[in-house]
Amino acid sequence: MELFSVEFLSSLLSIIMIDIVLGGDNAILIALATRNLPLQHRKKAIFWGVVGAVGIRAGLTAVAVYVLKIKFIHLIGGVLLVWIAYKLLVDEEQHSDIESGNNIFDAVKTIVIADLLMGIDNVLAVAGAAHGDPLLVVLGLLISIPIIVWGSSIILRFIEKYPIIIFIGAAVIAWTAGKMIVEDPFVYDNLIAGVPILHYIVPIVITLLVVFLGHKKRKTDDNDKR
């Protein structure tokens, strides 16, 4: 992919958006994991916890970029991402099982382990949006991590005030899923190659379906709570 081309920049923006939307969980788990620490230790725990979590996530994403080159993996990954995008819209995340550390080491360990377990969706989405370009993965992490960590409280407030951000993020993930599915060698050779317009129609239909069904489920759940 040519550096600073339209395709490169659009993929980079997709990665940043994915990291920001899915990074809301990081802000919550960091707050919970460090809530019992004295203020002077909390910043150290957050710093080293984030360093460890980012290092592991960067490694996993780099591996995922290459794994996605295997036949059928794009198709499987795309289907998983469709589910992740839908769950992002309909699930109210529960973090009651995240324990607060009583010292810096415990807090850092909690942040790293929890991020590893919760970050699979992020890794898969970023790897898919990168289209096999490791540079995009690195740039996405470098740009988005400071936004997520130091701007986490602002992001959470914006998401609560403007729920449309969640829908935009889910749409980006669903679009990425659709692109992954049509770019799978098996799907492309047997379906897309004969009808090129499907290369655009499939991602559009998947994105619209995810947003529509997610919105419908949220409305149903809201009505049930009343």
C-alpha atoms as a PDB file:
ATOM      1  CA  MET A   1       0.000   0.000   0.000  1.00  0.00           C
ATOM      2  CA  GLU A   2       1.470   3.344  -1.082  1.00  0.00           C
ATOM      3  CA  LEU A   3       2.438   5.644   1.794  1.00  0.00           C
ATOM      4  CA  PHE A   4      -0.012   8.549   2.301  1.00  0.00           C
ATOM      5  CA  SER A   5      -2.285   7.376  -0.505  1.00  0.00           C
ATOM      6  CA  VAL A   6      -6.054   7.732  -0.059  1.00  0.00           C
ATOM      7  CA  GLU A   7      -6.299   4.021   0.756  1.00  0.00           C
ATOM      8  CA  PHE A   8      -3.459   4.276   3.292  1.00  0.00           C
ATOM      9  CA  LEU A   9      -4.939   7.317   5.048  1.00  0.00           C
ATOM     10  CA  SER A  10      -8.477   5.876   5.124  1.00  0.00           C
ATOM     11  CA  SER A  11      -7.156   2.636   6.640  1.00  0.00           C
ATOM     12  CA  LEU A  12      -5.184   4.613   9.233  1.00  0.00           C
ATOM     13  CA  LEU A  13      -8.289   6.615  10.177  1.00  0.00           C
ATOM     14  CA  SER A  14     -10.250   3.354  10.491  1.00  0.00           C
ATOM     15  CA  ILE A  15      -7.609   1.914  12.842  1.00  0.00           C
ATOM     16  CA  ILE A  16      -7.614   5.042  15.014  1.00  0.00           C
ATOM     17  CA  MET A  17     -11.426   5.033  15.184  1.00  0.00           C
ATOM     18  CA  ILE A  18     -11.475   1.335  16.083  1.00  0.00           C
ATOM     19  CA  ASP A  19      -8.863   1.871  18.814  1.00  0.00           C
ATOM     20  CA  ILE A  20     -10.752   4.832  20.268  1.00  0.00           C
ATOM     21  CA  VAL A  21     -14.148   3.112  20.358  1.00  0.00           C
ATOM     22  CA  LEU A  22     -12.892  -0.248  21.604  1.00  0.00           C
ATOM     23  CA  GLY A  23     -10.454   1.553  23.916  1.00  0.00           C
ATOM     24  CA  GLY A  24     -13.256   2.660  26.230  1.00  0.00           C
ATOM     25  CA  ASP A  25     -12.845  -0.647  28.031  1.00  0.00           C
ATOM     26  CA  ASN A  26      -9.184   0.140  28.650  1.00  0.00           C
ATOM     27  CA  ALA A  27     -10.111   3.319  30.476  1.00  0.00           C
ATOM     28  CA  ILE A  28     -12.568   1.449  32.676  1.00  0.00           C
ATOM     29  CA  LEU A  29     -10.248  -1.422  33.542  1.00  0.00           C
ATOM     30  CA  ILE A  30      -7.356   0.977  34.294  1.00  0.00           C
ATOM     31  CA  ALA A  31      -9.584   2.952  36.669  1.00  0.00           C
ATOM     32  CA  LEU A  32     -10.804  -0.197  38.414  1.00  0.00           C
ATOM     33  CA  ALA A  33      -7.378  -1.835  38.638  1.00  0.00           C
ATOM     34  CA  THR A  34      -5.792   1.235  40.279  1.00  0.00           C
ATOM     35  CA  ARG A  35      -8.669   2.571  42.366  1.00  0.00           C
ATOM     36  CA  ASN A  36      -7.268   1.317  45.703  1.00  0.00           C
ATOM     37  CA  LEU A  37      -3.762   2.702  45.185  1.00  0.00           C
ATOM     38  CA  PRO A  38      -2.496   5.962  46.706  1.00  0.00           C
ATOM     39  CA  LEU A  39      -2.462   8.795  44.170  1.00  0.00           C
ATOM     40  CA  GLN A  40       1.357   8.876  43.947  1.00  0.00           C
ATOM     41  CA  HIS A  41       1.462   5.163  43.048  1.00  0.00           C
ATOM     42  CA  ARG A  42      -1.524   5.245  40.737  1.00  0.00           C
ATOM     43  CA  LYS A  43       0.269   7.114  37.940  1.00  0.00           C
ATOM     44  CA  LYS A  44       3.188   4.656  38.012  1.00  0.00           C
ATOM     45  CA  ALA A  45       0.825   1.682  37.887  1.00  0.00           C
ATOM     46  CA  ILE A  46      -1.087   3.207  34.974  1.00  0.00           C
ATOM     47  CA  PHE A  47       2.127   3.964  33.069  1.00  0.00           C
ATOM     48  CA  TRP A  48       3.694   0.510  33.442  1.00  0.00           C
ATOM     49  CA  GLY A  49       0.360  -1.259  33.001  1.00  0.00           C
ATOM     50  CA  VAL A  50      -0.238   0.555  29.726  1.00  0.00           C
ATOM     51  CA  VAL A  51       3.350  -0.077  28.537  1.00  0.00           C
ATOM     52  CA  GLY A  52       2.941  -3.797  29.177  1.00  0.00           C
ATOM     53  CA  ALA A  53      -0.530  -3.985  27.638  1.00  0.00           C
ATOM     54  CA  VAL A  54       0.487  -2.020  24.529  1.00  0.00           C
ATOM     55  CA  GLY A  55       3.594  -4.173  24.037  1.00  0.00           C
ATOM     56  CA  ILE A  56       1.593  -7.400  24.169  1.00  0.00           C
ATOM     57  CA  ARG A  57      -1.194  -6.004  21.983  1.00  0.00           C
ATOM     58  CA  ALA A  58       1.289  -4.727  19.373  1.00  0.00           C
ATOM     59  CA  GLY A  59       2.885  -8.178  19.220  1.00  0.00           C
ATOM     60  CA  LEU A  60      -0.468  -9.946  18.874  1.00  0.00           C
ATOM     61  CA  THR A  61      -1.605  -7.525  16.172  1.00  0.00           C
ATOM     62  CA  ALA A  62       1.610  -8.032  14.202  1.00  0.00           C
ATOM     63  CA  VAL A  63       1.081 -11.801  14.380  1.00  0.00           C
ATOM     64  CA  ALA A  64      -2.575 -11.397  13.365  1.00  0.00           C
ATOM     65  CA  VAL A  65      -1.589  -9.368  10.280  1.00  0.00           C
ATOM     66  CA  TYR A  66       0.399 -12.340   8.978  1.00  0.00           C
ATOM     67  CA  VAL A  67      -2.076 -14.998  10.138  1.00  0.00           C
ATOM     68  CA  LEU A  68      -4.795 -13.214   8.148  1.00  0.00           C
ATOM     69  CA  LYS A  69      -2.889 -14.093   4.960  1.00  0.00           C
ATOM     70  CA  ILE A  70      -3.810 -17.764   5.421  1.00  0.00           C
ATOM     71  CA  LYS A  71      -6.661 -19.055   3.263  1.00  0.00           C
ATOM     72  CA  PHE A  72     -10.143 -18.795   4.861  1.00  0.00           C
ATOM     73  CA  ILE A  73      -8.779 -16.798   7.838  1.00  0.00           C
ATOM     74  CA  HIS A  74     -10.058 -13.537   6.310  1.00  0.00           C
ATOM     75  CA  LEU A  75     -13.499 -15.077   6.003  1.00  0.00           C
ATOM     76  CA  ILE A  76     -13.501 -16.406   9.590  1.00  0.00           C
ATOM     77  CA  GLY A  77     -12.053 -13.157  10.948  1.00  0.00           C
ATOM     78  CA  GLY A  78     -14.609 -11.096   9.039  1.00  0.00           C
ATOM     79  CA  VAL A  79     -17.514 -13.118  10.427  1.00  0.00           C
ATOM     80  CA  LEU A  80     -16.110 -12.728  13.964  1.00  0.00           C
ATOM     81  CA  LEU A  81     -15.789  -8.974  13.439  1.00  0.00           C
ATOM     82  CA  VAL A  82     -19.430  -8.741  12.346  1.00  0.00           C
ATOM     83  CA  TRP A  83     -20.391 -10.287  15.693  1.00  0.00           C
ATOM     84  CA  ILE A  84     -17.997  -7.970  17.567  1.00  0.00           C
ATOM     85  CA  ALA A  85     -19.521  -4.893  15.873  1.00  0.00           C
ATOM     86  CA  TYR A  86     -23.033  -6.057  16.785  1.00  0.00           C
ATOM     87  CA  LYS A  87     -22.054  -6.830  20.390  1.00  0.00           C
ATOM     88  CA  LEU A  88     -20.473  -3.381  20.688  1.00  0.00           C
ATOM     89  CA  LEU A  89     -23.899  -1.867  20.021  1.00  0.00           C
ATOM     90  CA  VAL A  90     -26.067  -4.132  22.170  1.00  0.00           C
ATOM     91  CA  ASP A  91     -23.867  -5.026  25.141  1.00  0.00           C
ATOM     92  CA  GLU A  92     -23.510  -2.929  28.243  1.00  0.00           C
ATOM     93  CA  GLU A  93     -20.059  -3.969  29.364  1.00  0.00           C
ATOM     94  CA  GLN A  94     -19.709  -5.416  32.826  1.00  0.00           C
ATOM     95  CA  HIS A  95     -16.374  -5.065  34.599  1.00  0.00           C
ATOM     96  CA  SER A  96     -17.323  -6.162  38.102  1.00  0.00           C
ATOM     97  CA  ASP A  97     -14.796  -9.018  37.883  1.00  0.00           C
ATOM     98  CA  ILE A  98     -11.835  -6.639  37.541  1.00  0.00           C
ATOM     99  CA  GLU A  99     -10.181  -6.496  40.945  1.00  0.00           C
ATOM    100  CA  SER A 100      -8.221  -3.520  42.165  1.00  0.00           C
ATOM    101  CA  GLY A 101      -4.563  -4.124  42.963  1.00  0.00           C
ATOM    102  CA  ASN A 102      -3.289  -3.393  46.453  1.00  0.00           C
ATOM    103  CA  ASN A 103       0.171  -2.457  45.203  1.00  0.00           C
ATOM    104  CA  ILE A 104       1.781  -1.283  41.957  1.00  0.00           C
ATOM    105  CA  PHE A 105       2.766  -4.785  40.835  1.00  0.00           C
ATOM    106  CA  ASP A 106      -0.718  -6.217  41.407  1.00  0.00           C
ATOM    107  CA  ALA A 107      -2.342  -3.304  39.567  1.00  0.00           C
ATOM    108  CA  VAL A 108       0.040  -3.585  36.596  1.00  0.00           C
ATOM    109  CA  LYS A 109      -0.528  -7.354  36.426  1.00  0.00           C
ATOM    110  CA  THR A 110      -4.310  -6.845  36.480  1.00  0.00           C
ATOM    111  CA  ILE A 111      -4.186  -4.215  33.710  1.00  0.00           C
ATOM    112  CA  VAL A 112      -1.983  -6.367  31.445  1.00  0.00           C
ATOM    113  CA  ILE A 113      -3.927  -9.619  31.938  1.00  0.00           C
ATOM    114  CA  ALA A 114      -7.348  -7.975  31.654  1.00  0.00           C
ATOM    115  CA  ASP A 115      -6.285  -6.066  28.547  1.00  0.00           C
ATOM    116  CA  LEU A 116      -4.955  -9.253  26.985  1.00  0.00           C
ATOM    117  CA  LEU A 117      -8.250 -11.067  27.574  1.00  0.00           C
ATOM    118  CA  MET A 118     -10.440  -8.110  26.531  1.00  0.00           C
ATOM    119  CA  GLY A 119      -8.297  -6.932  23.627  1.00  0.00           C
ATOM    120  CA  ILE A 120      -8.872  -9.754  21.132  1.00  0.00           C
ATOM    121  CA  ASP A 121     -11.586  -7.732  19.375  1.00  0.00           C
ATOM    122  CA  ASN A 122      -9.234  -4.766  19.036  1.00  0.00           C
ATOM    123  CA  VAL A 123      -6.374  -6.884  17.704  1.00  0.00           C
ATOM    124  CA  LEU A 124      -8.571  -8.566  15.099  1.00  0.00           C
ATOM    125  CA  ALA A 125     -10.208  -5.314  13.975  1.00  0.00           C
ATOM    126  CA  VAL A 126      -6.911  -3.420  13.664  1.00  0.00           C
ATOM    127  CA  ALA A 127      -5.233  -6.288  11.794  1.00  0.00           C
ATOM    128  CA  GLY A 128      -8.163  -6.394   9.358  1.00  0.00           C
ATOM    129  CA  ALA A 129      -8.182  -2.631   8.796  1.00  0.00           C
ATOM    130  CA  ALA A 130      -4.405  -2.661   8.196  1.00  0.00           C
ATOM    131  CA  HIS A 131      -4.824  -4.908   5.115  1.00  0.00           C
ATOM    132  CA  GLY A 132      -1.546  -6.671   5.866  1.00  0.00           C
ATOM    133  CA  ASP A 133       0.510  -3.478   6.235  1.00  0.00           C
ATOM    134  CA  PRO A 134       2.629  -3.606   9.456  1.00  0.00           C
ATOM    135  CA  LEU A 135       3.391   0.131   9.147  1.00  0.00           C
ATOM    136  CA  LEU A 136      -0.319   0.910   9.505  1.00  0.00           C
ATOM    137  CA  VAL A 137      -0.469  -1.189  12.678  1.00  0.00           C
ATOM    138  CA  VAL A 138       2.497   0.649  14.200  1.00  0.00           C
ATOM    139  CA  LEU A 139       1.224   4.117  13.219  1.00  0.00           C
ATOM    140  CA  GLY A 140      -2.267   3.288  14.469  1.00  0.00           C
ATOM    141  CA  LEU A 141      -0.894   2.250  17.860  1.00  0.00           C
ATOM    142  CA  LEU A 142       1.454   5.237  18.135  1.00  0.00           C
ATOM    143  CA  ILE A 143      -1.341   7.709  17.400  1.00  0.00           C
ATOM    144  CA  SER A 144      -4.224   6.075  19.234  1.00  0.00           C
ATOM    145  CA  ILE A 145      -2.605   4.868  22.466  1.00  0.00           C
ATOM    146  CA  PRO A 146      -1.881   8.375  23.838  1.00  0.00           C
ATOM    147  CA  ILE A 147      -5.451   9.357  22.901  1.00  0.00           C
ATOM    148  CA  ILE A 148      -6.904   6.335  24.709  1.00  0.00           C
ATOM    149  CA  VAL A 149      -4.735   6.536  27.832  1.00  0.00           C
ATOM    150  CA  TRP A 150      -4.480  10.238  28.523  1.00  0.00           C
ATOM    151  CA  GLY A 151      -7.799  11.144  26.949  1.00  0.00           C
ATOM    152  CA  SER A 152      -9.739   8.146  28.257  1.00  0.00           C
ATOM    153  CA  SER A 153     -11.905  10.092  30.670  1.00  0.00           C
ATOM    154  CA  ILE A 154     -12.761  12.617  27.939  1.00  0.00           C
ATOM    155  CA  ILE A 155     -13.550   9.808  25.474  1.00  0.00           C
ATOM    156  CA  LEU A 156     -15.852   8.106  27.967  1.00  0.00           C
ATOM    157  CA  ARG A 157     -17.700  11.359  28.654  1.00  0.00           C
ATOM    158  CA  PHE A 158     -18.128  11.980  24.918  1.00  0.00           C
ATOM    159  CA  ILE A 159     -19.381   8.439  24.336  1.00  0.00           C
ATOM    160  CA  GLU A 160     -21.922   8.816  27.159  1.00  0.00           C
ATOM    161  CA  LYS A 161     -23.040  12.225  25.873  1.00  0.00           C
ATOM    162  CA  TYR A 162     -22.994  11.333  22.171  1.00  0.00           C
ATOM    163  CA  PRO A 163     -23.941   7.642  21.713  1.00  0.00           C
ATOM    164  CA  ILE A 164     -23.619   8.158  17.946  1.00  0.00           C
ATOM    165  CA  ILE A 165     -19.859   7.625  18.437  1.00  0.00           C
ATOM    166  CA  ILE A 166     -20.557   3.992  19.318  1.00  0.00           C
ATOM    167  CA  PHE A 167     -22.626   3.594  16.151  1.00  0.00           C
ATOM    168  CA  ILE A 168     -19.862   5.151  14.039  1.00  0.00           C
ATOM    169  CA  GLY A 169     -17.300   2.837  15.601  1.00  0.00           C
ATOM    170  CA  ALA A 170     -19.508  -0.216  15.093  1.00  0.00           C
ATOM    171  CA  ALA A 171     -20.069   0.823  11.460  1.00  0.00           C
ATOM    172  CA  VAL A 172     -16.301   1.126  10.888  1.00  0.00           C
ATOM    173  CA  ILE A 173     -15.748  -2.344  12.383  1.00  0.00           C
ATOM    174  CA  ALA A 174     -18.621  -3.821  10.330  1.00  0.00           C
ATOM    175  CA  TRP A 175     -17.229  -2.215   7.164  1.00  0.00           C
ATOM    176  CA  THR A 176     -13.795  -3.670   7.985  1.00  0.00           C
ATOM    177  CA  ALA A 177     -15.453  -7.071   8.482  1.00  0.00           C
ATOM    178  CA  GLY A 178     -17.157  -6.835   5.104  1.00  0.00           C
ATOM    179  CA  LYS A 179     -13.893  -5.900   3.398  1.00  0.00           C
ATOM    180  CA  MET A 180     -12.128  -8.824   5.055  1.00  0.00           C
ATOM    181  CA  ILE A 181     -14.814 -11.239   3.867  1.00  0.00           C
ATOM    182  CA  VAL A 182     -14.724 -10.113   0.217  1.00  0.00           C
ATOM    183  CA  GLU A 183     -10.902 -10.091   0.217  1.00  0.00           C
ATOM    184  CA  ASP A 184     -10.707 -13.710   1.366  1.00  0.00           C
ATOM    185  CA  PRO A 185      -9.139 -15.619  -1.587  1.00  0.00           C
ATOM    186  CA  PHE A 186     -11.876 -18.271  -1.625  1.00  0.00           C
ATOM    187  CA  VAL A 187     -14.720 -15.723  -1.549  1.00  0.00           C
ATOM    188  CA  TYR A 188     -13.027 -13.465  -4.090  1.00  0.00           C
ATOM    189  CA  ASP A 189     -12.235 -16.229  -6.594  1.00  0.00           C
ATOM    190  CA  ASN A 190     -15.658 -17.874  -6.379  1.00  0.00           C
ATOM    191  CA  LEU A 191     -17.928 -14.846  -5.976  1.00  0.00           C
ATOM    192  CA  ILE A 192     -16.398 -11.386  -6.206  1.00  0.00           C
ATOM    193  CA  ALA A 193     -14.240 -11.917  -9.298  1.00  0.00           C
ATOM    194  CA  GLY A 194     -17.311 -12.725 -11.390  1.00  0.00           C
ATOM    195  CA  VAL A 195     -19.377  -9.820 -10.020  1.00  0.00           C
ATOM    196  CA  PRO A 196     -16.907  -7.016  -9.090  1.00  0.00           C
ATOM    197  CA  ILE A 197     -19.655  -4.702  -7.792  1.00  0.00           C
ATOM    198  CA  LEU A 198     -20.100  -7.125  -4.877  1.00  0.00           C
ATOM    199  CA  HIS A 199     -16.742  -5.913  -3.575  1.00  0.00           C
ATOM    200  CA  TYR A 200     -18.593  -2.767  -2.476  1.00  0.00           C
ATOM    201  CA  ILE A 201     -22.129  -4.087  -2.011  1.00  0.00           C
ATOM    202  CA  VAL A 202     -21.224  -6.785   0.536  1.00  0.00           C
ATOM    203  CA  PRO A 203     -19.462  -4.425   3.010  1.00  0.00           C
ATOM    204  CA  ILE A 204     -22.264  -1.854   2.624  1.00  0.00           C
ATOM    205  CA  VAL A 205     -24.998  -4.435   3.289  1.00  0.00           C
ATOM    206  CA  ILE A 206     -23.119  -5.900   6.282  1.00  0.00           C
ATOM    207  CA  THR A 207     -22.563  -2.417   7.755  1.00  0.00           C
ATOM    208  CA  LEU A 208     -26.215  -1.396   7.326  1.00  0.00           C
ATOM    209  CA  LEU A 209     -27.469  -4.690   8.775  1.00  0.00           C
ATOM    210  CA  VAL A 210     -25.231  -4.453  11.849  1.00  0.00           C
ATOM    211  CA  VAL A 211     -26.229  -0.849  12.577  1.00  0.00           C
ATOM    212  CA  PHE A 212     -29.935  -1.543  11.943  1.00  0.00           C
ATOM    213  CA  LEU A 213     -30.110  -4.722  14.038  1.00  0.00           C
ATOM    214  CA  GLY A 214     -27.998  -3.177  16.806  1.00  0.00           C
ATOM    215  CA  HIS A 215     -30.214  -0.094  16.938  1.00  0.00           C
ATOM    216  CA  LYS A 216     -33.354  -2.259  16.956  1.00  0.00           C
ATOM    217  CA  LYS A 217     -32.006  -4.425  19.807  1.00  0.00           C
ATOM    218  CA  ARG A 218     -31.052  -1.350  21.863  1.00  0.00           C
ATOM    219  CA  LYS A 219     -34.544   0.106  21.434  1.00  0.00           C
ATOM    220  CA  THR A 220     -36.128  -3.218  22.464  1.00  0.00           C
ATOM    221  CA  ASP A 221     -33.917  -3.427  25.554  1.00  0.00           C
ATOM    222  CA  ASP A 222     -34.699   0.186  26.502  1.00  0.00           C
ATOM    223  CA  ASN A 223     -38.422  -0.484  26.199  1.00  0.00           C
ATOM    224  CA  ASP A 224     -38.111  -3.625  28.341  1.00  0.00           C
ATOM    225  CA  LYS A 225     -36.383  -1.628  31.112  1.00  0.00           C
ATOM    226  CA  ARG A 226     -39.251   0.881  31.301  1.00  0.00           C
END
